Full PDB file with SEQRES, HELIX, SHEET, SSBOND, CRYST1, ORIGX, SCALE, CONECT and MASTER records, all heavy atoms in Angstrom:
SEQRES   1 A   44  VAL ALA GLN ILE THR SER GLY GLY THR THR ASN TYR VAL          
SEQRES   2 A   44  ASP SER VAL LYS GLY ARG PHE THR ALA SER ARG ASP ASN          
SEQRES   3 A   44  ALA ASN ASN THR VAL TYR LEU GLN MET ASN SER LEU LYS          
SEQRES   4 A   44  PRO GLU ASP THR ALA                                          
HELIX    1 AA1 ASP A   14  VAL A   16  5                                   3    
HELIX    2 AA2 PRO A   40  ASP A   42  5                                   3    
SHEET    1 AA1 2 ALA A   2  ILE A   4  0                                        
SHEET    2 AA1 2 THR A  10  TYR A  12 -1                                        
SHEET    1 AA2 2 PHE A  20  ASP A  25  0                                        
SHEET    2 AA2 2 THR A  30  MET A  35 -1                                        
CRYST1    1.000    1.000    1.000  90.00  90.00  90.00 P 1           1          
ORIGX1      1.000000  0.000000  0.000000        0.00000                         
ORIGX2      0.000000  1.000000  0.000000        0.00000                         
ORIGX3      0.000000  0.000000  1.000000        0.00000                         
SCALE1      1.000000  0.000000  0.000000        0.00000                         
SCALE2      0.000000  1.000000  0.000000        0.00000                         
SCALE3      0.000000  0.000000  1.000000        0.00000                         
ATOM      1  N   VAL A   1       0.822  -1.206   0.000  1.00  0.00           N  
ATOM      2  CA  VAL A   1       0.000   0.000   0.000  1.00  0.00           C  
ATOM      3  C   VAL A   1       0.859   1.260   0.000  1.00  0.00           C  
ATOM      4  O   VAL A   1       0.602   2.192  -0.762  1.00  0.00           O  
ATOM      5  CB  VAL A   1      -0.927   0.007   1.230  1.00  0.00           C  
ATOM      6  CG1 VAL A   1      -1.687   1.322   1.323  1.00  0.00           C  
ATOM      7  CG2 VAL A   1      -1.882  -1.164   1.193  1.00  0.00           C  
ATOM      8  N   ALA A   2       1.874   1.272   0.849  1.00  0.00           N  
ATOM      9  CA  ALA A   2       2.696   2.473   0.994  1.00  0.00           C  
ATOM     10  C   ALA A   2       4.077   2.067   1.474  1.00  0.00           C  
ATOM     11  O   ALA A   2       4.268   0.982   2.040  1.00  0.00           O  
ATOM     12  CB  ALA A   2       2.058   3.448   1.987  1.00  0.00           C  
ATOM     13  N   GLN A   3       5.000   2.965   1.256  1.00  0.00           N  
ATOM     14  CA  GLN A   3       6.392   2.693   1.597  1.00  0.00           C  
ATOM     15  C   GLN A   3       7.064   4.003   1.976  1.00  0.00           C  
ATOM     16  O   GLN A   3       6.821   5.034   1.345  1.00  0.00           O  
ATOM     17  CB  GLN A   3       7.085   2.084   0.378  1.00  0.00           C  
ATOM     18  CG  GLN A   3       8.563   1.831   0.501  1.00  0.00           C  
ATOM     19  CD  GLN A   3       9.106   1.304  -0.813  1.00  0.00           C  
ATOM     20  OE1 GLN A   3       9.339   2.071  -1.758  1.00  0.00           O  
ATOM     21  NE2 GLN A   3       9.327   0.006  -0.888  1.00  0.00           N  
ATOM     22  N   ILE A   4       7.913   3.945   2.990  1.00  0.00           N  
ATOM     23  CA  ILE A   4       8.761   5.092   3.288  1.00  0.00           C  
ATOM     24  C   ILE A   4      10.192   4.578   3.348  1.00  0.00           C  
ATOM     25  O   ILE A   4      10.513   3.657   4.098  1.00  0.00           O  
ATOM     26  CB  ILE A   4       8.333   5.816   4.590  1.00  0.00           C  
ATOM     27  CG1 ILE A   4       9.228   7.033   4.839  1.00  0.00           C  
ATOM     28  CG2 ILE A   4       8.273   4.895   5.780  1.00  0.00           C  
ATOM     29  CD1 ILE A   4       8.645   8.015   5.844  1.00  0.00           C  
ATOM     30  N   THR A   5      11.039   5.155   2.503  1.00  0.00           N  
ATOM     31  CA  THR A   5      12.402   4.669   2.382  1.00  0.00           C  
ATOM     32  C   THR A   5      13.304   5.286   3.447  1.00  0.00           C  
ATOM     33  O   THR A   5      12.930   6.230   4.148  1.00  0.00           O  
ATOM     34  CB  THR A   5      12.964   4.995   0.994  1.00  0.00           C  
ATOM     35  OG1 THR A   5      13.190   6.406   0.901  1.00  0.00           O  
ATOM     36  CG2 THR A   5      12.018   4.546  -0.113  1.00  0.00           C  
ATOM     37  N   SER A   6      14.516   4.786   3.514  1.00  0.00           N  
ATOM     38  CA  SER A   6      15.469   5.329   4.474  1.00  0.00           C  
ATOM     39  C   SER A   6      15.755   6.801   4.183  1.00  0.00           C  
ATOM     40  O   SER A   6      16.038   7.577   5.100  1.00  0.00           O  
ATOM     41  CB  SER A   6      16.759   4.518   4.454  1.00  0.00           C  
ATOM     42  OG  SER A   6      17.304   4.485   3.147  1.00  0.00           O  
ATOM     43  N   GLY A   7      15.657   7.168   2.931  1.00  0.00           N  
ATOM     44  CA  GLY A   7      15.871   8.566   2.561  1.00  0.00           C  
ATOM     45  C   GLY A   7      14.659   9.449   2.773  1.00  0.00           C  
ATOM     46  O   GLY A   7      14.716  10.657   2.532  1.00  0.00           O  
ATOM     47  N   GLY A   8      13.567   8.850   3.212  1.00  0.00           N  
ATOM     48  CA  GLY A   8      12.357   9.622   3.470  1.00  0.00           C  
ATOM     49  C   GLY A   8      11.397   9.710   2.304  1.00  0.00           C  
ATOM     50  O   GLY A   8      10.338  10.339   2.407  1.00  0.00           O  
ATOM     51  N   THR A   9      11.752   9.076   1.193  1.00  0.00           N  
ATOM     52  CA  THR A   9      10.850   9.065   0.045  1.00  0.00           C  
ATOM     53  C   THR A   9       9.651   8.171   0.332  1.00  0.00           C  
ATOM     54  O   THR A   9       9.800   7.095   0.904  1.00  0.00           O  
ATOM     55  CB  THR A   9      11.580   8.550  -1.202  1.00  0.00           C  
ATOM     56  OG1 THR A   9      12.686   9.410  -1.477  1.00  0.00           O  
ATOM     57  CG2 THR A   9      10.653   8.520  -2.405  1.00  0.00           C  
ATOM     58  N   THR A  10       8.477   8.626  -0.071  1.00  0.00           N  
ATOM     59  CA  THR A  10       7.273   7.825   0.113  1.00  0.00           C  
ATOM     60  C   THR A  10       6.708   7.412  -1.248  1.00  0.00           C  
ATOM     61  O   THR A  10       6.793   8.163  -2.225  1.00  0.00           O  
ATOM     62  CB  THR A  10       6.206   8.590   0.901  1.00  0.00           C  
ATOM     63  OG1 THR A  10       5.971   9.857   0.274  1.00  0.00           O  
ATOM     64  CG2 THR A  10       6.652   8.822   2.336  1.00  0.00           C  
ATOM     65  N   ASN A  11       6.167   6.220  -1.285  1.00  0.00           N  
ATOM     66  CA  ASN A  11       5.543   5.685  -2.488  1.00  0.00           C  
ATOM     67  C   ASN A  11       4.217   5.046  -2.110  1.00  0.00           C  
ATOM     68  O   ASN A  11       4.084   4.508  -1.010  1.00  0.00           O  
ATOM     69  CB  ASN A  11       6.450   4.630  -3.143  1.00  0.00           C  
ATOM     70  CG  ASN A  11       7.794   5.191  -3.557  1.00  0.00           C  
ATOM     71  OD1 ASN A  11       7.877   6.025  -4.453  1.00  0.00           O  
ATOM     72  ND2 ASN A  11       8.850   4.754  -2.899  1.00  0.00           N  
ATOM     73  N   TYR A  12       3.261   5.124  -3.031  1.00  0.00           N  
ATOM     74  CA  TYR A  12       1.915   4.634  -2.740  1.00  0.00           C  
ATOM     75  C   TYR A  12       1.347   3.882  -3.931  1.00  0.00           C  
ATOM     76  O   TYR A  12       1.629   4.210  -5.084  1.00  0.00           O  
ATOM     77  CB  TYR A  12       0.988   5.812  -2.405  1.00  0.00           C  
ATOM     78  CG  TYR A  12       1.496   6.684  -1.286  1.00  0.00           C  
ATOM     79  CD1 TYR A  12       2.236   7.826  -1.565  1.00  0.00           C  
ATOM     80  CD2 TYR A  12       1.254   6.355   0.037  1.00  0.00           C  
ATOM     81  CE1 TYR A  12       2.725   8.629  -0.535  1.00  0.00           C  
ATOM     82  CE2 TYR A  12       1.730   7.146   1.067  1.00  0.00           C  
ATOM     83  CZ  TYR A  12       2.463   8.279   0.771  1.00  0.00           C  
ATOM     84  OH  TYR A  12       2.947   9.063   1.784  1.00  0.00           O  
ATOM     85  N   VAL A  13       0.510   2.906  -3.634  1.00  0.00           N  
ATOM     86  CA  VAL A  13      -0.256   2.269  -4.693  1.00  0.00           C  
ATOM     87  C   VAL A  13      -1.280   3.287  -5.201  1.00  0.00           C  
ATOM     88  O   VAL A  13      -1.732   4.158  -4.451  1.00  0.00           O  
ATOM     89  CB  VAL A  13      -0.931   0.987  -4.156  1.00  0.00           C  
ATOM     90  CG1 VAL A  13      -2.015   1.316  -3.147  1.00  0.00           C  
ATOM     91  CG2 VAL A  13      -1.452   0.135  -5.276  1.00  0.00           C  
ATOM     92  N   ASP A  14      -1.632   3.199  -6.454  1.00  0.00           N  
ATOM     93  CA  ASP A  14      -2.496   4.213  -7.062  1.00  0.00           C  
ATOM     94  C   ASP A  14      -3.815   4.389  -6.309  1.00  0.00           C  
ATOM     95  O   ASP A  14      -4.338   5.499  -6.210  1.00  0.00           O  
ATOM     96  CB  ASP A  14      -2.794   3.847  -8.523  1.00  0.00           C  
ATOM     97  CG  ASP A  14      -1.612   4.104  -9.433  1.00  0.00           C  
ATOM     98  OD1 ASP A  14      -0.660   4.793  -8.995  1.00  0.00           O  
ATOM     99  OD2 ASP A  14      -1.624   3.608 -10.573  1.00  0.00           O  
ATOM    100  N   SER A  15      -4.349   3.309  -5.786  1.00  0.00           N  
ATOM    101  CA  SER A  15      -5.667   3.367  -5.160  1.00  0.00           C  
ATOM    102  C   SER A  15      -5.702   4.202  -3.878  1.00  0.00           C  
ATOM    103  O   SER A  15      -6.793   4.563  -3.412  1.00  0.00           O  
ATOM    104  CB  SER A  15      -6.181   1.959  -4.867  1.00  0.00           C  
ATOM    105  OG  SER A  15      -5.296   1.282  -3.992  1.00  0.00           O  
ATOM    106  N   VAL A  16      -4.545   4.513  -3.299  1.00  0.00           N  
ATOM    107  CA  VAL A  16      -4.527   5.293  -2.056  1.00  0.00           C  
ATOM    108  C   VAL A  16      -3.832   6.639  -2.217  1.00  0.00           C  
ATOM    109  O   VAL A  16      -3.792   7.425  -1.259  1.00  0.00           O  
ATOM    110  CB  VAL A  16      -3.889   4.507  -0.886  1.00  0.00           C  
ATOM    111  CG1 VAL A  16      -4.543   3.138  -0.746  1.00  0.00           C  
ATOM    112  CG2 VAL A  16      -2.385   4.388  -1.045  1.00  0.00           C  
ATOM    113  N   LYS A  17      -3.286   6.908  -3.378  1.00  0.00           N  
ATOM    114  CA  LYS A  17      -2.589   8.179  -3.604  1.00  0.00           C  
ATOM    115  C   LYS A  17      -3.534   9.347  -3.337  1.00  0.00           C  
ATOM    116  O   LYS A  17      -4.680   9.346  -3.773  1.00  0.00           O  
ATOM    117  CB  LYS A  17      -2.051   8.245  -5.033  1.00  0.00           C  
ATOM    118  CG  LYS A  17      -0.790   7.439  -5.243  1.00  0.00           C  
ATOM    119  CD  LYS A  17      -0.276   7.573  -6.678  1.00  0.00           C  
ATOM    120  CE  LYS A  17       0.979   6.756  -6.891  1.00  0.00           C  
ATOM    121  NZ  LYS A  17       1.445   6.794  -8.299  1.00  0.00           N  
ATOM    122  N   GLY A  18      -3.033  10.320  -2.609  1.00  0.00           N  
ATOM    123  CA  GLY A  18      -3.840  11.493  -2.270  1.00  0.00           C  
ATOM    124  C   GLY A  18      -4.689  11.303  -1.034  1.00  0.00           C  
ATOM    125  O   GLY A  18      -5.275  12.264  -0.537  1.00  0.00           O  
ATOM    126  N   ARG A  19      -4.785  10.085  -0.542  1.00  0.00           N  
ATOM    127  CA  ARG A  19      -5.590   9.808   0.659  1.00  0.00           C  
ATOM    128  C   ARG A  19      -4.740   9.316   1.832  1.00  0.00           C  
ATOM    129  O   ARG A  19      -5.052   9.608   2.980  1.00  0.00           O  
ATOM    130  CB  ARG A  19      -6.662   8.764   0.344  1.00  0.00           C  
ATOM    131  CG  ARG A  19      -7.618   9.171  -0.761  1.00  0.00           C  
ATOM    132  CD  ARG A  19      -8.784   8.189  -0.868  1.00  0.00           C  
ATOM    133  NE  ARG A  19      -8.356   6.842  -1.219  1.00  0.00           N  
ATOM    134  CZ  ARG A  19      -8.604   5.759  -0.471  1.00  0.00           C  
ATOM    135  NH1 ARG A  19      -9.256   5.870   0.675  1.00  0.00           N  
ATOM    136  NH2 ARG A  19      -8.196   4.551  -0.869  1.00  0.00           N  
ATOM    137  N   PHE A  20      -3.706   8.544   1.530  1.00  0.00           N  
ATOM    138  CA  PHE A  20      -2.856   7.977   2.581  1.00  0.00           C  
ATOM    139  C   PHE A  20      -1.511   8.694   2.590  1.00  0.00           C  
ATOM    140  O   PHE A  20      -0.983   9.071   1.529  1.00  0.00           O  
ATOM    141  CB  PHE A  20      -2.604   6.498   2.327  1.00  0.00           C  
ATOM    142  CG  PHE A  20      -3.793   5.600   2.554  1.00  0.00           C  
ATOM    143  CD1 PHE A  20      -5.074   6.093   2.689  1.00  0.00           C  
ATOM    144  CD2 PHE A  20      -3.602   4.218   2.628  1.00  0.00           C  
ATOM    145  CE1 PHE A  20      -6.161   5.253   2.879  1.00  0.00           C  
ATOM    146  CE2 PHE A  20      -4.675   3.361   2.825  1.00  0.00           C  
ATOM    147  CZ  PHE A  20      -5.957   3.884   2.949  1.00  0.00           C  
ATOM    148  N   THR A  21      -0.952   8.847   3.781  1.00  0.00           N  
ATOM    149  CA  THR A  21       0.360   9.470   3.924  1.00  0.00           C  
ATOM    150  C   THR A  21       1.192   8.675   4.921  1.00  0.00           C  
ATOM    151  O   THR A  21       0.769   8.479   6.069  1.00  0.00           O  
ATOM    152  CB  THR A  21       0.239  10.916   4.416  1.00  0.00           C  
ATOM    153  OG1 THR A  21      -0.576  11.670   3.517  1.00  0.00           O  
ATOM    154  CG2 THR A  21       1.616  11.568   4.497  1.00  0.00           C  
ATOM    155  N   ALA A  22       2.359   8.229   4.469  1.00  0.00           N  
ATOM    156  CA  ALA A  22       3.304   7.543   5.354  1.00  0.00           C  
ATOM    157  C   ALA A  22       4.293   8.564   5.914  1.00  0.00           C  
ATOM    158  O   ALA A  22       4.730   9.466   5.194  1.00  0.00           O  
ATOM    159  CB  ALA A  22       4.042   6.449   4.596  1.00  0.00           C  
ATOM    160  N   SER A  23       4.626   8.398   7.184  1.00  0.00           N  
ATOM    161  CA  SER A  23       5.595   9.284   7.818  1.00  0.00           C  
ATOM    162  C   SER A  23       6.306   8.501   8.913  1.00  0.00           C  
ATOM    163  O   SER A  23       5.953   7.353   9.194  1.00  0.00           O  
ATOM    164  CB  SER A  23       4.907  10.520   8.404  1.00  0.00           C  
ATOM    165  OG  SER A  23       3.987  10.145   9.416  1.00  0.00           O  
ATOM    166  N   ARG A  24       7.291   9.139   9.521  1.00  0.00           N  
ATOM    167  CA  ARG A  24       7.991   8.437  10.595  1.00  0.00           C  
ATOM    168  C   ARG A  24       8.459   9.427  11.642  1.00  0.00           C  
ATOM    169  O   ARG A  24       8.647  10.613  11.371  1.00  0.00           O  
ATOM    170  CB  ARG A  24       9.173   7.633  10.041  1.00  0.00           C  
ATOM    171  CG  ARG A  24      10.313   8.483   9.508  1.00  0.00           C  
ATOM    172  CD  ARG A  24      11.383   7.625   8.873  1.00  0.00           C  
ATOM    173  NE  ARG A  24      12.466   8.450   8.352  1.00  0.00           N  
ATOM    174  CZ  ARG A  24      13.214   8.113   7.318  1.00  0.00           C  
ATOM    175  NH1 ARG A  24      13.021   6.959   6.683  1.00  0.00           N  
ATOM    176  NH2 ARG A  24      14.178   8.910   6.915  1.00  0.00           N  
ATOM    177  N   ASP A  25       8.619   8.896  12.830  1.00  0.00           N  
ATOM    178  CA  ASP A  25       9.151   9.644  13.968  1.00  0.00           C  
ATOM    179  C   ASP A  25      10.442   8.948  14.369  1.00  0.00           C  
ATOM    180  O   ASP A  25      10.413   7.886  15.002  1.00  0.00           O  
ATOM    181  CB  ASP A  25       8.122   9.636  15.099  1.00  0.00           C  
ATOM    182  CG  ASP A  25       8.597  10.383  16.329  1.00  0.00           C  
ATOM    183  OD1 ASP A  25       9.814  10.644  16.463  1.00  0.00           O  
ATOM    184  OD2 ASP A  25       7.751  10.709  17.176  1.00  0.00           O  
ATOM    185  N   ASN A  26      11.559   9.512  13.972  1.00  0.00           N  
ATOM    186  CA  ASN A  26      12.847   8.856  14.232  1.00  0.00           C  
ATOM    187  C   ASN A  26      13.118   8.731  15.728  1.00  0.00           C  
ATOM    188  O   ASN A  26      13.680   7.724  16.181  1.00  0.00           O  
ATOM    189  CB  ASN A  26      13.971   9.626  13.555  1.00  0.00           C  
ATOM    190  CG  ASN A  26      13.878   9.591  12.048  1.00  0.00           C  
ATOM    191  OD1 ASN A  26      13.328   8.653  11.470  1.00  0.00           O  
ATOM    192  ND2 ASN A  26      14.406  10.618  11.403  1.00  0.00           N  
ATOM    193  N   ALA A  27      12.746   9.715  16.483  1.00  0.00           N  
ATOM    194  CA  ALA A  27      13.025   9.695  17.921  1.00  0.00           C  
ATOM    195  C   ALA A  27      12.314   8.539  18.624  1.00  0.00           C  
ATOM    196  O   ALA A  27      12.848   7.937  19.559  1.00  0.00           O  
ATOM    197  CB  ALA A  27      12.613  11.022  18.548  1.00  0.00           C  
ATOM    198  N   ASN A  28      11.108   8.242  18.152  1.00  0.00           N  
ATOM    199  CA  ASN A  28      10.331   7.156  18.752  1.00  0.00           C  
ATOM    200  C   ASN A  28      10.412   5.864  17.951  1.00  0.00           C  
ATOM    201  O   ASN A  28       9.758   4.875  18.303  1.00  0.00           O  
ATOM    202  CB  ASN A  28       8.874   7.575  18.907  1.00  0.00           C  
ATOM    203  CG  ASN A  28       8.696   8.615  19.995  1.00  0.00           C  
ATOM    204  OD1 ASN A  28       9.182   8.431  21.110  1.00  0.00           O  
ATOM    205  ND2 ASN A  28       8.027   9.704  19.675  1.00  0.00           N  
ATOM    206  N   ASN A  29      11.204   5.898  16.874  1.00  0.00           N  
ATOM    207  CA  ASN A  29      11.402   4.710  16.031  1.00  0.00           C  
ATOM    208  C   ASN A  29      10.056   4.118  15.602  1.00  0.00           C  
ATOM    209  O   ASN A  29       9.821   2.902  15.698  1.00  0.00           O  
ATOM    210  CB  ASN A  29      12.243   3.654  16.746  1.00  0.00           C  
ATOM    211  CG  ASN A  29      13.038   2.801  15.782  1.00  0.00           C  
ATOM    212  OD1 ASN A  29      13.472   3.255  14.719  1.00  0.00           O  
ATOM    213  ND2 ASN A  29      13.255   1.544  16.143  1.00  0.00           N  
ATOM    214  N   THR A  30       9.195   4.985  15.135  1.00  0.00           N  
ATOM    215  CA  THR A  30       7.829   4.596  14.775  1.00  0.00           C  
ATOM    216  C   THR A  30       7.482   5.138  13.390  1.00  0.00           C  
ATOM    217  O   THR A  30       7.865   6.273  13.053  1.00  0.00           O  
ATOM    218  CB  THR A  30       6.831   5.126  15.814  1.00  0.00           C  
ATOM    219  OG1 THR A  30       7.130   4.560  17.088  1.00  0.00           O  
ATOM    220  CG2 THR A  30       5.393   4.768  15.440  1.00  0.00           C  
ATOM    221  N   VAL A  31       6.778   4.334  12.637  1.00  0.00           N  
ATOM    222  CA  VAL A  31       6.283   4.739  11.328  1.00  0.00           C  
ATOM    223  C   VAL A  31       4.768   4.830  11.405  1.00  0.00           C  
ATOM    224  O   VAL A  31       4.119   4.035  12.109  1.00  0.00           O  
ATOM    225  CB  VAL A  31       6.710   3.727  10.247  1.00  0.00           C  
ATOM    226  CG1 VAL A  31       6.020   4.003   8.922  1.00  0.00           C  
ATOM    227  CG2 VAL A  31       8.222   3.779  10.059  1.00  0.00           C  
ATOM    228  N   TYR A  32       4.210   5.790  10.699  1.00  0.00           N  
ATOM    229  CA  TYR A  32       2.769   6.019  10.722  1.00  0.00           C  
ATOM    230  C   TYR A  32       2.178   5.899   9.325  1.00  0.00           C  
ATOM    231  O   TYR A  32       2.867   6.116   8.315  1.00  0.00           O  
ATOM    232  CB  TYR A  32       2.461   7.421  11.272  1.00  0.00           C  
ATOM    233  CG  TYR A  32       2.988   7.648  12.651  1.00  0.00           C  
ATOM    234  CD1 TYR A  32       4.182   8.334  12.850  1.00  0.00           C  
ATOM    235  CD2 TYR A  32       2.304   7.183  13.765  1.00  0.00           C  
ATOM    236  CE1 TYR A  32       4.686   8.548  14.120  1.00  0.00           C  
ATOM    237  CE2 TYR A  32       2.794   7.388  15.043  1.00  0.00           C  
ATOM    238  CZ  TYR A  32       3.985   8.071  15.213  1.00  0.00           C  
ATOM    239  OH  TYR A  32       4.472   8.276  16.475  1.00  0.00           O  
ATOM    240  N   LEU A  33       0.903   5.579   9.290  1.00  0.00           N  
ATOM    241  CA  LEU A  33       0.153   5.634   8.039  1.00  0.00           C  
ATOM    242  C   LEU A  33      -1.137   6.392   8.329  1.00  0.00           C  
ATOM    243  O   LEU A  33      -2.041   5.868   8.987  1.00  0.00           O  
ATOM    244  CB  LEU A  33      -0.154   4.231   7.500  1.00  0.00           C  
ATOM    245  CG  LEU A  33      -0.818   4.204   6.126  1.00  0.00           C  
ATOM    246  CD1 LEU A  33       0.121   4.775   5.057  1.00  0.00           C  
ATOM    247  CD2 LEU A  33      -1.250   2.790   5.747  1.00  0.00           C  
ATOM    248  N   GLN A  34      -1.182   7.631   7.873  1.00  0.00           N  
ATOM    249  CA  GLN A  34      -2.384   8.446   8.016  1.00  0.00           C  
ATOM    250  C   GLN A  34      -3.310   8.122   6.855  1.00  0.00           C  
ATOM    251  O   GLN A  34      -2.908   8.245   5.694  1.00  0.00           O  
ATOM    252  CB  GLN A  34      -2.026   9.931   8.003  1.00  0.00           C  
ATOM    253  CG  GLN A  34      -3.229  10.856   8.075  1.00  0.00           C  
ATOM    254  CD  GLN A  34      -3.945  10.777   9.417  1.00  0.00           C  
ATOM    255  OE1 GLN A  34      -3.297  10.743  10.466  1.00  0.00           O  
ATOM    256  NE2 GLN A  34      -5.266  10.750   9.376  1.00  0.00           N  
ATOM    257  N   MET A  35      -4.514   7.712   7.171  1.00  0.00           N  
ATOM    258  CA  MET A  35      -5.469   7.300   6.148  1.00  0.00           C  
ATOM    259  C   MET A  35      -6.693   8.203   6.222  1.00  0.00           C  
ATOM    260  O   MET A  35      -7.403   8.205   7.239  1.00  0.00           O  
ATOM    261  CB  MET A  35      -5.869   5.835   6.357  1.00  0.00           C  
ATOM    262  CG  MET A  35      -4.679   4.894   6.435  1.00  0.00           C  
ATOM    263  SD  MET A  35      -5.148   3.155   6.483  1.00  0.00           S  
ATOM    264  CE  MET A  35      -6.046   3.106   8.025  1.00  0.00           C  
ATOM    265  N   ASN A  36      -6.917   8.950   5.181  1.00  0.00           N  
ATOM    266  CA  ASN A  36      -8.056   9.864   5.104  1.00  0.00           C  
ATOM    267  C   ASN A  36      -9.010   9.428   3.999  1.00  0.00           C  
ATOM    268  O   ASN A  36      -8.642   8.624   3.127  1.00  0.00           O  
ATOM    269  CB  ASN A  36      -7.570  11.289   4.826  1.00  0.00           C  
ATOM    270  CG  ASN A  36      -6.665  11.822   5.922  1.00  0.00           C  
ATOM    271  OD1 ASN A  36      -6.810  11.505   7.092  1.00  0.00           O  
ATOM    272  ND2 ASN A  36      -5.716  12.667   5.524  1.00  0.00           N  
ATOM    273  N   SER A  37     -10.204   9.968   4.030  1.00  0.00           N  
ATOM    274  CA  SER A  37     -11.215   9.669   3.002  1.00  0.00           C  
ATOM    275  C   SER A  37     -11.347   8.164   2.791  1.00  0.00           C  
ATOM    276  O   SER A  37     -11.340   7.679   1.651  1.00  0.00           O  
ATOM    277  CB  SER A  37     -10.847  10.373   1.683  1.00  0.00           C  
ATOM    278  OG  SER A  37     -10.734  11.761   1.859  1.00  0.00           O  
ATOM    279  N   LEU A  38     -11.462   7.457   3.874  1.00  0.00           N  
ATOM    280  CA  LEU A  38     -11.483   5.992   3.791  1.00  0.00           C  
ATOM    281  C   LEU A  38     -12.726   5.498   3.064  1.00  0.00           C  
ATOM    282  O   LEU A  38     -13.814   6.078   3.155  1.00  0.00           O  
ATOM    283  CB  LEU A  38     -11.405   5.395   5.186  1.00  0.00           C  
ATOM    284  CG  LEU A  38      -9.995   5.417   5.796  1.00  0.00           C  
ATOM    285  CD1 LEU A  38     -10.038   5.235   7.296  1.00  0.00           C  
ATOM    286  CD2 LEU A  38      -9.128   4.344   5.143  1.00  0.00           C  
ATOM    287  N   LYS A  39     -12.524   4.415   2.349  1.00  0.00           N  
ATOM    288  CA  LYS A  39     -13.569   3.784   1.551  1.00  0.00           C  
ATOM    289  C   LYS A  39     -13.789   2.351   2.032  1.00  0.00           C  
ATOM    290  O   LYS A  39     -12.863   1.742   2.596  1.00  0.00           O  
ATOM    291  CB  LYS A  39     -13.160   3.762   0.082  1.00  0.00           C  
ATOM    292  CG  LYS A  39     -12.808   5.114  -0.502  1.00  0.00           C  
ATOM    293  CD  LYS A  39     -12.300   4.975  -1.937  1.00  0.00           C  
ATOM    294  CE  LYS A  39     -11.922   6.321  -2.527  1.00  0.00           C  
ATOM    295  NZ  LYS A  39     -11.432   6.198  -3.921  1.00  0.00           N  
ATOM    296  N   PRO A  40     -14.966   1.800   1.785  1.00  0.00           N  
ATOM    297  CA  PRO A  40     -15.188   0.402   2.181  1.00  0.00           C  
ATOM    298  C   PRO A  40     -14.140  -0.557   1.614  1.00  0.00           C  
ATOM    299  O   PRO A  40     -13.776  -1.538   2.281  1.00  0.00           O  
ATOM    300  CB  PRO A  40     -16.577   0.108   1.618  1.00  0.00           C  
ATOM    301  CG  PRO A  40     -17.266   1.435   1.633  1.00  0.00           C  
ATOM    302  CD  PRO A  40     -16.195   2.428   1.286  1.00  0.00           C  
ATOM    303  N   GLU A  41     -13.635  -0.254   0.436  1.00  0.00           N  
ATOM    304  CA  GLU A  41     -12.636  -1.139  -0.164  1.00  0.00           C  
ATOM    305  C   GLU A  41     -11.268  -1.041   0.509  1.00  0.00           C  
ATOM    306  O   GLU A  41     -10.358  -1.803   0.179  1.00  0.00           O  
ATOM    307  CB  GLU A  41     -12.483  -0.863  -1.670  1.00  0.00           C  
ATOM    308  CG  GLU A  41     -12.276   0.587  -2.039  1.00  0.00           C  
ATOM    309  CD  GLU A  41     -13.571   1.294  -2.434  1.00  0.00           C  
ATOM    310  OE1 GLU A  41     -14.603   1.081  -1.754  1.00  0.00           O  
ATOM    311  OE2 GLU A  41     -13.525   2.061  -3.417  1.00  0.00           O  
ATOM    312  N   ASP A  42     -11.114  -0.129   1.450  1.00  0.00           N  
ATOM    313  CA  ASP A  42      -9.890  -0.072   2.246  1.00  0.00           C  
ATOM    314  C   ASP A  42      -9.926  -1.058   3.413  1.00  0.00           C  
ATOM    315  O   ASP A  42      -8.924  -1.205   4.124  1.00  0.00           O  
ATOM    316  CB  ASP A  42      -9.663   1.343   2.793  1.00  0.00           C  
ATOM    317  CG  ASP A  42      -9.421   2.368   1.716  1.00  0.00           C  
ATOM    318  OD1 ASP A  42      -8.676   2.061   0.759  1.00  0.00           O  
ATOM    319  OD2 ASP A  42      -9.970   3.485   1.825  1.00  0.00           O  
ATOM    320  N   THR A  43     -11.061  -1.695   3.622  1.00  0.00           N  
ATOM    321  CA  THR A  43     -11.181  -2.665   4.702  1.00  0.00           C  
ATOM    322  C   THR A  43     -10.198  -3.809   4.506  1.00  0.00           C  
ATOM    323  O   THR A  43     -10.172  -4.454   3.455  1.00  0.00           O  
ATOM    324  CB  THR A  43     -12.612  -3.220   4.762  1.00  0.00           C  
ATOM    325  OG1 THR A  43     -13.507  -2.145   5.110  1.00  0.00           O  
ATOM    326  CG2 THR A  43     -12.731  -4.335   5.790  1.00  0.00           C  
ATOM    327  N   ALA A  44      -9.375  -4.048   5.518  1.00  0.00           N  
ATOM    328  CA  ALA A  44      -8.335  -5.073   5.424  1.00  0.00           C  
ATOM    329  C   ALA A  44      -7.580  -5.125   6.747  1.00  0.00           C  
ATOM    330  O   ALA A  44      -7.754  -4.261   7.611  1.00  0.00           O  
ATOM    331  CB  ALA A  44      -7.359  -4.749   4.297  1.00  0.00           C  
TER     332      ALA A  44                                                      
MASTER        0    0    0    2    4    0    0    6  331    1    0    4          
END                                                                             
């Protein structure tokens, strides 16, 4: 669905582009996936 590289580049499958955003918090060693405008087909 989404990817965040070591360089900070993000990539998304077409079906979620513009709706999902991957990010990370280096201090907390955590990666996030913000999902907006969710659709029933996002159920998984």
